[in-house]
């Protein structure tokens, strides 16, 4: 649903989840915490 609403498309070296996270939290500490959680 979020991908459709925000028209997120694949980009080189940036995952869809990373783009959604950046759109929701920006690129601050919350962005890195979320991506580390995905890695775990």
ModelCIF file with pLDDT and N, C-alpha, C, O atoms, coordinates in Angstrom:
data_MODEL
#
_entry.id   MODEL 
#
_entity.id                         1 
_entity.type                       polymer 
_entity.pdbx_number_of_molecules   1 
#
_entity_poly.entity_id                      1 
_entity_poly.type                           'polypeptide(L)' 
_entity_poly.nstd_linkage                   no 
_entity_poly.nstd_monomer                   no 
_entity_poly.pdbx_seq_one_letter_code       
;(UNK)(UNK)(UNK)(UNK)(UNK)(UNK)(UNK)(UNK)(UNK)(UNK)(UNK)(UNK)(UNK)(UNK)(UNK)(UNK)
(UNK)(UNK)(UNK)(UNK)(UNK)(UNK)(UNK)(UNK)(UNK)(UNK)(UNK)(UNK)(UNK)(UNK)(UNK)(UNK)
(UNK)(UNK)(UNK)(UNK)(UNK)(UNK)(UNK)(UNK)
;
_entity_poly.pdbx_seq_one_letter_code_can   XXXXXXXXXXXXXXXXXXXXXXXXXXXXXXXXXXXXXXXX 
_entity_poly.pdbx_strand_id                 A 
#
loop_
_entity_poly_seq.entity_id 
_entity_poly_seq.num 
_entity_poly_seq.mon_id 
_entity_poly_seq.hetero 
1 1  UNK n 
1 2  UNK n 
1 3  UNK n 
1 4  UNK n 
1 5  UNK n 
1 6  UNK n 
1 7  UNK n 
1 8  UNK n 
1 9  UNK n 
1 10 UNK n 
1 11 UNK n 
1 12 UNK n 
1 13 UNK n 
1 14 UNK n 
1 15 UNK n 
1 16 UNK n 
1 17 UNK n 
1 18 UNK n 
1 19 UNK n 
1 20 UNK n 
1 21 UNK n 
1 22 UNK n 
1 23 UNK n 
1 24 UNK n 
1 25 UNK n 
1 26 UNK n 
1 27 UNK n 
1 28 UNK n 
1 29 UNK n 
1 30 UNK n 
1 31 UNK n 
1 32 UNK n 
1 33 UNK n 
1 34 UNK n 
1 35 UNK n 
1 36 UNK n 
1 37 UNK n 
1 38 UNK n 
1 39 UNK n 
1 40 UNK n 
#
_struct_asym.id          A 
_struct_asym.entity_id   1 
#
loop_
_ma_qa_metric.id 
_ma_qa_metric.mode 
_ma_qa_metric.name 
_ma_qa_metric.software_group_id 
_ma_qa_metric.type 
1 global pLDDT . pLDDT 
2 local  pLDDT . pLDDT 
#
_ma_qa_metric_global.metric_id      1 
_ma_qa_metric_global.metric_value   88.03 
_ma_qa_metric_global.model_id       1 
_ma_qa_metric_global.ordinal_id     1 
#
loop_
_ma_qa_metric_local.label_asym_id 
_ma_qa_metric_local.label_comp_id 
_ma_qa_metric_local.label_seq_id 
_ma_qa_metric_local.metric_id 
_ma_qa_metric_local.metric_value 
_ma_qa_metric_local.model_id 
_ma_qa_metric_local.ordinal_id 
A UNK 1  2 94.00 1 1  
A UNK 2  2 91.00 1 2  
A UNK 3  2 91.00 1 3  
A UNK 4  2 91.00 1 4  
A UNK 5  2 89.00 1 5  
A UNK 6  2 87.00 1 6  
A UNK 7  2 87.00 1 7  
A UNK 8  2 88.00 1 8  
A UNK 9  2 86.00 1 9  
A UNK 10 2 81.00 1 10 
A UNK 11 2 81.00 1 11 
A UNK 12 2 77.00 1 12 
A UNK 13 2 79.00 1 13 
A UNK 14 2 83.00 1 14 
A UNK 15 2 84.00 1 15 
A UNK 16 2 87.00 1 16 
A UNK 17 2 87.00 1 17 
A UNK 18 2 89.00 1 18 
A UNK 19 2 90.00 1 19 
A UNK 20 2 90.00 1 20 
A UNK 21 2 89.00 1 21 
A UNK 22 2 89.00 1 22 
A UNK 23 2 87.00 1 23 
A UNK 24 2 86.00 1 24 
A UNK 25 2 87.00 1 25 
A UNK 26 2 87.00 1 26 
A UNK 27 2 86.00 1 27 
A UNK 28 2 89.00 1 28 
A UNK 29 2 92.00 1 29 
A UNK 30 2 91.00 1 30 
A UNK 31 2 91.00 1 31 
A UNK 32 2 92.00 1 32 
A UNK 33 2 93.00 1 33 
A UNK 34 2 90.00 1 34 
A UNK 35 2 89.00 1 35 
A UNK 36 2 92.00 1 36 
A UNK 37 2 92.00 1 37 
A UNK 38 2 88.00 1 38 
A UNK 39 2 89.00 1 39 
A UNK 40 2 90.00 1 40 
#
loop_
_atom_site.group_PDB 
_atom_site.id 
_atom_site.type_symbol 
_atom_site.label_atom_id 
_atom_site.label_alt_id 
_atom_site.label_comp_id 
_atom_site.label_asym_id 
_atom_site.label_entity_id 
_atom_site.label_seq_id 
_atom_site.pdbx_PDB_ins_code 
_atom_site.Cartn_x 
_atom_site.Cartn_y 
_atom_site.Cartn_z 
_atom_site.occupancy 
_atom_site.B_iso_or_equiv 
_atom_site.pdbx_formal_charge 
_atom_site.auth_seq_id 
_atom_site.auth_comp_id 
_atom_site.auth_asym_id 
_atom_site.auth_atom_id 
_atom_site.pdbx_PDB_model_num 
ATOM 1   N N  . UNK A 1 1  ? 0.832  -1.208  0.000  1.00 94.00 ? 1  UNK A N  1 
ATOM 2   C CA . UNK A 1 1  ? 0.000  0.000   0.000  1.00 94.00 ? 1  UNK A CA 1 
ATOM 3   C C  . UNK A 1 1  ? 0.865  1.256   0.000  1.00 94.00 ? 1  UNK A C  1 
ATOM 4   O O  . UNK A 1 1  ? 0.598  2.195   -0.750 1.00 94.00 ? 1  UNK A O  1 
ATOM 5   N N  . UNK A 1 2  ? 1.904  1.275   0.841  1.00 91.00 ? 2  UNK A N  1 
ATOM 6   C CA . UNK A 1 2  ? 2.789  2.446   0.906  1.00 91.00 ? 2  UNK A CA 1 
ATOM 7   C C  . UNK A 1 2  ? 3.535  2.643   -0.411 1.00 91.00 ? 2  UNK A C  1 
ATOM 8   O O  . UNK A 1 2  ? 3.724  3.775   -0.857 1.00 91.00 ? 2  UNK A O  1 
ATOM 9   N N  . UNK A 1 3  ? 3.956  1.549   -1.029 1.00 91.00 ? 3  UNK A N  1 
ATOM 10  C CA . UNK A 1 3  ? 4.660  1.652   -2.312 1.00 91.00 ? 3  UNK A CA 1 
ATOM 11  C C  . UNK A 1 3  ? 3.749  2.273   -3.369 1.00 91.00 ? 3  UNK A C  1 
ATOM 12  O O  . UNK A 1 3  ? 4.180  3.115   -4.158 1.00 91.00 ? 3  UNK A O  1 
ATOM 13  N N  . UNK A 1 4  ? 2.480  1.846   -3.375 1.00 91.00 ? 4  UNK A N  1 
ATOM 14  C CA . UNK A 1 4  ? 1.547  2.365   -4.375 1.00 91.00 ? 4  UNK A CA 1 
ATOM 15  C C  . UNK A 1 4  ? 1.210  3.832   -4.107 1.00 91.00 ? 4  UNK A C  1 
ATOM 16  O O  . UNK A 1 4  ? 1.174  4.639   -5.036 1.00 91.00 ? 4  UNK A O  1 
ATOM 17  N N  . UNK A 1 5  ? 0.965  4.178   -2.848 1.00 89.00 ? 5  UNK A N  1 
ATOM 18  C CA . UNK A 1 5  ? 0.567  5.548   -2.510 1.00 89.00 ? 5  UNK A CA 1 
ATOM 19  C C  . UNK A 1 5  ? 1.686  6.535   -2.808 1.00 89.00 ? 5  UNK A C  1 
ATOM 20  O O  . UNK A 1 5  ? 1.434  7.620   -3.331 1.00 89.00 ? 5  UNK A O  1 
ATOM 21  N N  . UNK A 1 6  ? 2.915  6.167   -2.481 1.00 87.00 ? 6  UNK A N  1 
ATOM 22  C CA . UNK A 1 6  ? 4.052  7.089   -2.634 1.00 87.00 ? 6  UNK A CA 1 
ATOM 23  C C  . UNK A 1 6  ? 4.815  6.869   -3.936 1.00 87.00 ? 6  UNK A C  1 
ATOM 24  O O  . UNK A 1 6  ? 5.843  7.509   -4.158 1.00 87.00 ? 6  UNK A O  1 
ATOM 25  N N  . UNK A 1 7  ? 4.330  5.974   -4.804 1.00 87.00 ? 7  UNK A N  1 
ATOM 26  C CA . UNK A 1 7  ? 4.935  5.748   -6.126 1.00 87.00 ? 7  UNK A CA 1 
ATOM 27  C C  . UNK A 1 7  ? 6.441  5.446   -6.021 1.00 87.00 ? 7  UNK A C  1 
ATOM 28  O O  . UNK A 1 7  ? 7.259  6.017   -6.743 1.00 87.00 ? 7  UNK A O  1 
ATOM 29  N N  . UNK A 1 8  ? 6.772  4.544   -5.113 1.00 88.00 ? 8  UNK A N  1 
ATOM 30  C CA . UNK A 1 8  ? 8.172  4.160   -4.930 1.00 88.00 ? 8  UNK A CA 1 
ATOM 31  C C  . UNK A 1 8  ? 8.569  3.166   -6.024 1.00 88.00 ? 8  UNK A C  1 
ATOM 32  O O  . UNK A 1 8  ? 7.854  2.199   -6.289 1.00 88.00 ? 8  UNK A O  1 
ATOM 33  N N  . UNK A 1 9  ? 9.716  3.419   -6.650 1.00 86.00 ? 9  UNK A N  1 
ATOM 34  C CA . UNK A 1 9  ? 10.219 2.539   -7.712 1.00 86.00 ? 9  UNK A CA 1 
ATOM 35  C C  . UNK A 1 9  ? 11.648 2.129   -7.369 1.00 86.00 ? 9  UNK A C  1 
ATOM 36  O O  . UNK A 1 9  ? 12.333 2.847   -6.641 1.00 86.00 ? 9  UNK A O  1 
ATOM 37  N N  . UNK A 1 10 ? 12.108 0.995   -7.877 1.00 81.00 ? 10 UNK A N  1 
ATOM 38  C CA . UNK A 1 10 ? 13.479 0.550   -7.590 1.00 81.00 ? 10 UNK A CA 1 
ATOM 39  C C  . UNK A 1 10 ? 14.516 1.546   -8.096 1.00 81.00 ? 10 UNK A C  1 
ATOM 40  O O  . UNK A 1 10 ? 14.372 2.132   -9.169 1.00 81.00 ? 10 UNK A O  1 
ATOM 41  N N  . UNK A 1 11 ? 15.562 1.720   -7.297 1.00 81.00 ? 11 UNK A N  1 
ATOM 42  C CA . UNK A 1 11 ? 16.697 2.563   -7.689 1.00 81.00 ? 11 UNK A CA 1 
ATOM 43  C C  . UNK A 1 11 ? 17.979 1.808   -7.411 1.00 81.00 ? 11 UNK A C  1 
ATOM 44  O O  . UNK A 1 11 ? 18.018 0.938   -6.541 1.00 81.00 ? 11 UNK A O  1 
ATOM 45  N N  . UNK A 1 12 ? 19.023 2.137   -8.146 1.00 77.00 ? 12 UNK A N  1 
ATOM 46  C CA . UNK A 1 12 ? 20.293 1.458   -7.967 1.00 77.00 ? 12 UNK A CA 1 
ATOM 47  C C  . UNK A 1 12 ? 20.849 1.624   -6.570 1.00 77.00 ? 12 UNK A C  1 
ATOM 48  O O  . UNK A 1 12 ? 20.921 2.740   -6.055 1.00 77.00 ? 12 UNK A O  1 
ATOM 49  N N  . UNK A 1 13 ? 21.244 0.524   -5.952 1.00 79.00 ? 13 UNK A N  1 
ATOM 50  C CA . UNK A 1 13 ? 21.909 0.494   -4.644 1.00 79.00 ? 13 UNK A CA 1 
ATOM 51  C C  . UNK A 1 13 ? 21.045 1.019   -3.500 1.00 79.00 ? 13 UNK A C  1 
ATOM 52  O O  . UNK A 1 13 ? 21.562 1.263   -2.410 1.00 79.00 ? 13 UNK A O  1 
ATOM 53  N N  . UNK A 1 14 ? 19.733 1.201   -3.722 1.00 83.00 ? 14 UNK A N  1 
ATOM 54  C CA . UNK A 1 14 ? 18.829 1.634   -2.659 1.00 83.00 ? 14 UNK A CA 1 
ATOM 55  C C  . UNK A 1 14 ? 17.607 0.717   -2.693 1.00 83.00 ? 14 UNK A C  1 
ATOM 56  O O  . UNK A 1 14 ? 16.891 0.672   -3.693 1.00 83.00 ? 14 UNK A O  1 
ATOM 57  N N  . UNK A 1 15 ? 17.371 -0.010  -1.606 1.00 84.00 ? 15 UNK A N  1 
ATOM 58  C CA . UNK A 1 15 ? 16.242 -0.932  -1.583 1.00 84.00 ? 15 UNK A CA 1 
ATOM 59  C C  . UNK A 1 15 ? 14.930 -0.175  -1.418 1.00 84.00 ? 15 UNK A C  1 
ATOM 60  O O  . UNK A 1 15 ? 14.911 0.984   -1.003 1.00 84.00 ? 15 UNK A O  1 
ATOM 61  N N  . UNK A 1 16 ? 13.831 -0.853  -1.754 1.00 87.00 ? 16 UNK A N  1 
ATOM 62  C CA . UNK A 1 16 ? 12.494 -0.265  -1.577 1.00 87.00 ? 16 UNK A CA 1 
ATOM 63  C C  . UNK A 1 16 ? 12.252 0.059   -0.109 1.00 87.00 ? 16 UNK A C  1 
ATOM 64  O O  . UNK A 1 16 ? 11.729 1.124   0.217  1.00 87.00 ? 16 UNK A O  1 
ATOM 65  N N  . UNK A 1 17 ? 12.638 -0.870  0.785  1.00 87.00 ? 17 UNK A N  1 
ATOM 66  C CA . UNK A 1 17 ? 12.427 -0.634  2.213  1.00 87.00 ? 17 UNK A CA 1 
ATOM 67  C C  . UNK A 1 17 ? 13.213 0.576   2.698  1.00 87.00 ? 17 UNK A C  1 
ATOM 68  O O  . UNK A 1 17 ? 12.722 1.348   3.522  1.00 87.00 ? 17 UNK A O  1 
ATOM 69  N N  . UNK A 1 18 ? 14.432 0.746   2.190  1.00 89.00 ? 18 UNK A N  1 
ATOM 70  C CA . UNK A 1 18 ? 15.234 1.910   2.591  1.00 89.00 ? 18 UNK A CA 1 
ATOM 71  C C  . UNK A 1 18 ? 14.570 3.210   2.139  1.00 89.00 ? 18 UNK A C  1 
ATOM 72  O O  . UNK A 1 18 ? 14.577 4.201   2.871  1.00 89.00 ? 18 UNK A O  1 
ATOM 73  N N  . UNK A 1 19 ? 13.993 3.206   0.929  1.00 90.00 ? 19 UNK A N  1 
ATOM 74  C CA . UNK A 1 19 ? 13.295 4.401   0.446  1.00 90.00 ? 19 UNK A CA 1 
ATOM 75  C C  . UNK A 1 19 ? 12.062 4.712   1.298  1.00 90.00 ? 19 UNK A C  1 
ATOM 76  O O  . UNK A 1 19 ? 11.809 5.871   1.626  1.00 90.00 ? 19 UNK A O  1 
ATOM 77  N N  . UNK A 1 20 ? 11.294 3.675   1.657  1.00 90.00 ? 20 UNK A N  1 
ATOM 78  C CA . UNK A 1 20 ? 10.122 3.883   2.502  1.00 90.00 ? 20 UNK A CA 1 
ATOM 79  C C  . UNK A 1 20 ? 10.528 4.406   3.878  1.00 90.00 ? 20 UNK A C  1 
ATOM 80  O O  . UNK A 1 20 ? 9.870  5.282   4.438  1.00 90.00 ? 20 UNK A O  1 
ATOM 81  N N  . UNK A 1 21 ? 11.614 3.860   4.413  1.00 89.00 ? 21 UNK A N  1 
ATOM 82  C CA . UNK A 1 21 ? 12.082 4.291   5.728  1.00 89.00 ? 21 UNK A CA 1 
ATOM 83  C C  . UNK A 1 21 ? 12.539 5.747   5.686  1.00 89.00 ? 21 UNK A C  1 
ATOM 84  O O  . UNK A 1 21 ? 12.236 6.525   6.591  1.00 89.00 ? 21 UNK A O  1 
ATOM 85  N N  . UNK A 1 22 ? 13.271 6.113   4.627  1.00 89.00 ? 22 UNK A N  1 
ATOM 86  C CA . UNK A 1 22 ? 13.731 7.500   4.501  1.00 89.00 ? 22 UNK A CA 1 
ATOM 87  C C  . UNK A 1 22 ? 12.545 8.450   4.362  1.00 89.00 ? 22 UNK A C  1 
ATOM 88  O O  . UNK A 1 22 ? 12.559 9.556   4.903  1.00 89.00 ? 22 UNK A O  1 
ATOM 89  N N  . UNK A 1 23 ? 11.520 8.012   3.635  1.00 87.00 ? 23 UNK A N  1 
ATOM 90  C CA . UNK A 1 23 ? 10.341 8.859   3.494  1.00 87.00 ? 23 UNK A CA 1 
ATOM 91  C C  . UNK A 1 23 ? 9.587  9.037   4.801  1.00 87.00 ? 23 UNK A C  1 
ATOM 92  O O  . UNK A 1 23 ? 8.967  10.076  5.026  1.00 87.00 ? 23 UNK A O  1 
ATOM 93  N N  . UNK A 1 24 ? 9.636  8.022   5.668  1.00 86.00 ? 24 UNK A N  1 
ATOM 94  C CA . UNK A 1 24 ? 8.897  8.091   6.929  1.00 86.00 ? 24 UNK A CA 1 
ATOM 95  C C  . UNK A 1 24 ? 9.681  8.795   8.028  1.00 86.00 ? 24 UNK A C  1 
ATOM 96  O O  . UNK A 1 24 ? 9.105  9.575   8.787  1.00 86.00 ? 24 UNK A O  1 
ATOM 97  N N  . UNK A 1 25 ? 10.995 8.535   8.129  1.00 87.00 ? 25 UNK A N  1 
ATOM 98  C CA . UNK A 1 25 ? 11.793 9.033   9.249  1.00 87.00 ? 25 UNK A CA 1 
ATOM 99  C C  . UNK A 1 25 ? 12.874 10.032  8.844  1.00 87.00 ? 25 UNK A C  1 
ATOM 100 O O  . UNK A 1 25 ? 13.531 10.618  9.705  1.00 87.00 ? 25 UNK A O  1 
ATOM 101 N N  . UNK A 1 26 ? 13.061 10.227  7.537  1.00 87.00 ? 26 UNK A N  1 
ATOM 102 C CA . UNK A 1 26 ? 14.215 11.021  7.116  1.00 87.00 ? 26 UNK A CA 1 
ATOM 103 C C  . UNK A 1 26 ? 15.460 10.157  7.127  1.00 87.00 ? 26 UNK A C  1 
ATOM 104 O O  . UNK A 1 26 ? 15.370 8.930   7.164  1.00 87.00 ? 26 UNK A O  1 
ATOM 105 N N  . UNK A 1 27 ? 16.605 10.784  7.095  1.00 86.00 ? 27 UNK A N  1 
ATOM 106 C CA . UNK A 1 27 ? 17.864 10.031  7.060  1.00 86.00 ? 27 UNK A CA 1 
ATOM 107 C C  . UNK A 1 27 ? 18.635 10.173  8.360  1.00 86.00 ? 27 UNK A C  1 
ATOM 108 O O  . UNK A 1 27 ? 19.859 10.043  8.365  1.00 86.00 ? 27 UNK A O  1 
ATOM 109 N N  . UNK A 1 28 ? 17.951 10.435  9.453  1.00 89.00 ? 28 UNK A N  1 
ATOM 110 C CA . UNK A 1 28 ? 18.595 10.550  10.760 1.00 89.00 ? 28 UNK A CA 1 
ATOM 111 C C  . UNK A 1 28 ? 18.802 9.201   11.413 1.00 89.00 ? 28 UNK A C  1 
ATOM 112 O O  . UNK A 1 28 ? 18.878 8.173   10.740 1.00 89.00 ? 28 UNK A O  1 
ATOM 113 N N  . UNK A 1 29 ? 18.894 9.218   12.767 1.00 92.00 ? 29 UNK A N  1 
ATOM 114 C CA . UNK A 1 29 ? 19.212 7.999   13.493 1.00 92.00 ? 29 UNK A CA 1 
ATOM 115 C C  . UNK A 1 29 ? 18.124 6.929   13.322 1.00 92.00 ? 29 UNK A C  1 
ATOM 116 O O  . UNK A 1 29 ? 18.437 5.739   13.284 1.00 92.00 ? 29 UNK A O  1 
ATOM 117 N N  . UNK A 1 30 ? 16.853 7.336   13.219 1.00 91.00 ? 30 UNK A N  1 
ATOM 118 C CA . UNK A 1 30 ? 15.765 6.368   13.063 1.00 91.00 ? 30 UNK A CA 1 
ATOM 119 C C  . UNK A 1 30 ? 15.914 5.579   11.762 1.00 91.00 ? 30 UNK A C  1 
ATOM 120 O O  . UNK A 1 30 ? 15.574 4.398   11.697 1.00 91.00 ? 30 UNK A O  1 
ATOM 121 N N  . UNK A 1 31 ? 16.429 6.251   10.725 1.00 91.00 ? 31 UNK A N  1 
ATOM 122 C CA . UNK A 1 31 ? 16.655 5.584   9.441  1.00 91.00 ? 31 UNK A CA 1 
ATOM 123 C C  . UNK A 1 31 ? 17.654 4.444   9.603  1.00 91.00 ? 31 UNK A C  1 
ATOM 124 O O  . UNK A 1 31 ? 17.433 3.343   9.101  1.00 91.00 ? 31 UNK A O  1 
ATOM 125 N N  . UNK A 1 32 ? 18.754 4.712   10.307 1.00 92.00 ? 32 UNK A N  1 
ATOM 126 C CA . UNK A 1 32 ? 19.787 3.694   10.473 1.00 92.00 ? 32 UNK A CA 1 
ATOM 127 C C  . UNK A 1 32 ? 19.335 2.581   11.422 1.00 92.00 ? 32 UNK A C  1 
ATOM 128 O O  . UNK A 1 32 ? 19.662 1.413   11.209 1.00 92.00 ? 32 UNK A O  1 
ATOM 129 N N  . UNK A 1 33 ? 18.592 2.935   12.460 1.00 93.00 ? 33 UNK A N  1 
ATOM 130 C CA . UNK A 1 33 ? 18.070 1.913   13.366 1.00 93.00 ? 33 UNK A CA 1 
ATOM 131 C C  . UNK A 1 33 ? 17.151 0.957   12.608 1.00 93.00 ? 33 UNK A C  1 
ATOM 132 O O  . UNK A 1 33 ? 17.235 -0.258  12.786 1.00 93.00 ? 33 UNK A O  1 
ATOM 133 N N  . UNK A 1 34 ? 16.276 1.502   11.765 1.00 90.00 ? 34 UNK A N  1 
ATOM 134 C CA . UNK A 1 34 ? 15.353 0.669   10.997 1.00 90.00 ? 34 UNK A CA 1 
ATOM 135 C C  . UNK A 1 34 ? 16.099 -0.256  10.043 1.00 90.00 ? 34 UNK A C  1 
ATOM 136 O O  . UNK A 1 34 ? 15.760 -1.434  9.925  1.00 90.00 ? 34 UNK A O  1 
ATOM 137 N N  . UNK A 1 35 ? 17.100 0.267   9.369  1.00 89.00 ? 35 UNK A N  1 
ATOM 138 C CA . UNK A 1 35 ? 17.841 -0.567  8.420  1.00 89.00 ? 35 UNK A CA 1 
ATOM 139 C C  . UNK A 1 35 ? 18.686 -1.619  9.123  1.00 89.00 ? 35 UNK A C  1 
ATOM 140 O O  . UNK A 1 35 ? 18.848 -2.729  8.615  1.00 89.00 ? 35 UNK A O  1 
ATOM 141 N N  . UNK A 1 36 ? 19.227 -1.274  10.294 1.00 92.00 ? 36 UNK A N  1 
ATOM 142 C CA . UNK A 1 36 ? 19.954 -2.279  11.068 1.00 92.00 ? 36 UNK A CA 1 
ATOM 143 C C  . UNK A 1 36 ? 19.002 -3.383  11.522 1.00 92.00 ? 36 UNK A C  1 
ATOM 144 O O  . UNK A 1 36 ? 19.365 -4.560  11.535 1.00 92.00 ? 36 UNK A O  1 
ATOM 145 N N  . UNK A 1 37 ? 17.769 -2.990  11.898 1.00 92.00 ? 37 UNK A N  1 
ATOM 146 C CA . UNK A 1 37 ? 16.769 -3.988  12.291 1.00 92.00 ? 37 UNK A CA 1 
ATOM 147 C C  . UNK A 1 37 ? 16.449 -4.927  11.132 1.00 92.00 ? 37 UNK A C  1 
ATOM 148 O O  . UNK A 1 37 ? 16.320 -6.136  11.324 1.00 92.00 ? 37 UNK A O  1 
ATOM 149 N N  . UNK A 1 38 ? 16.321 -4.362  9.915  1.00 88.00 ? 38 UNK A N  1 
ATOM 150 C CA . UNK A 1 38 ? 16.071 -5.198  8.733  1.00 88.00 ? 38 UNK A CA 1 
ATOM 151 C C  . UNK A 1 38 ? 17.238 -6.159  8.507  1.00 88.00 ? 38 UNK A C  1 
ATOM 152 O O  . UNK A 1 38 ? 17.026 -7.327  8.180  1.00 88.00 ? 38 UNK A O  1 
ATOM 153 N N  . UNK A 1 39 ? 18.471 -5.671  8.680  1.00 89.00 ? 39 UNK A N  1 
ATOM 154 C CA . UNK A 1 39 ? 19.649 -6.521  8.518  1.00 89.00 ? 39 UNK A CA 1 
ATOM 155 C C  . UNK A 1 39 ? 19.639 -7.671  9.515  1.00 89.00 ? 39 UNK A C  1 
ATOM 156 O O  . UNK A 1 39 ? 19.973 -8.803  9.165  1.00 89.00 ? 39 UNK A O  1 
ATOM 157 N N  . UNK A 1 40 ? 19.255 -7.381  10.765 1.00 90.00 ? 40 UNK A N  1 
ATOM 158 C CA . UNK A 1 40 ? 19.192 -8.426  11.786 1.00 90.00 ? 40 UNK A CA 1 
ATOM 159 C C  . UNK A 1 40 ? 18.118 -9.458  11.454 1.00 90.00 ? 40 UNK A C  1 
ATOM 160 O O  . UNK A 1 40 ? 17.926 -10.412 12.207 1.00 90.00 ? 40 UNK A O  1 
#
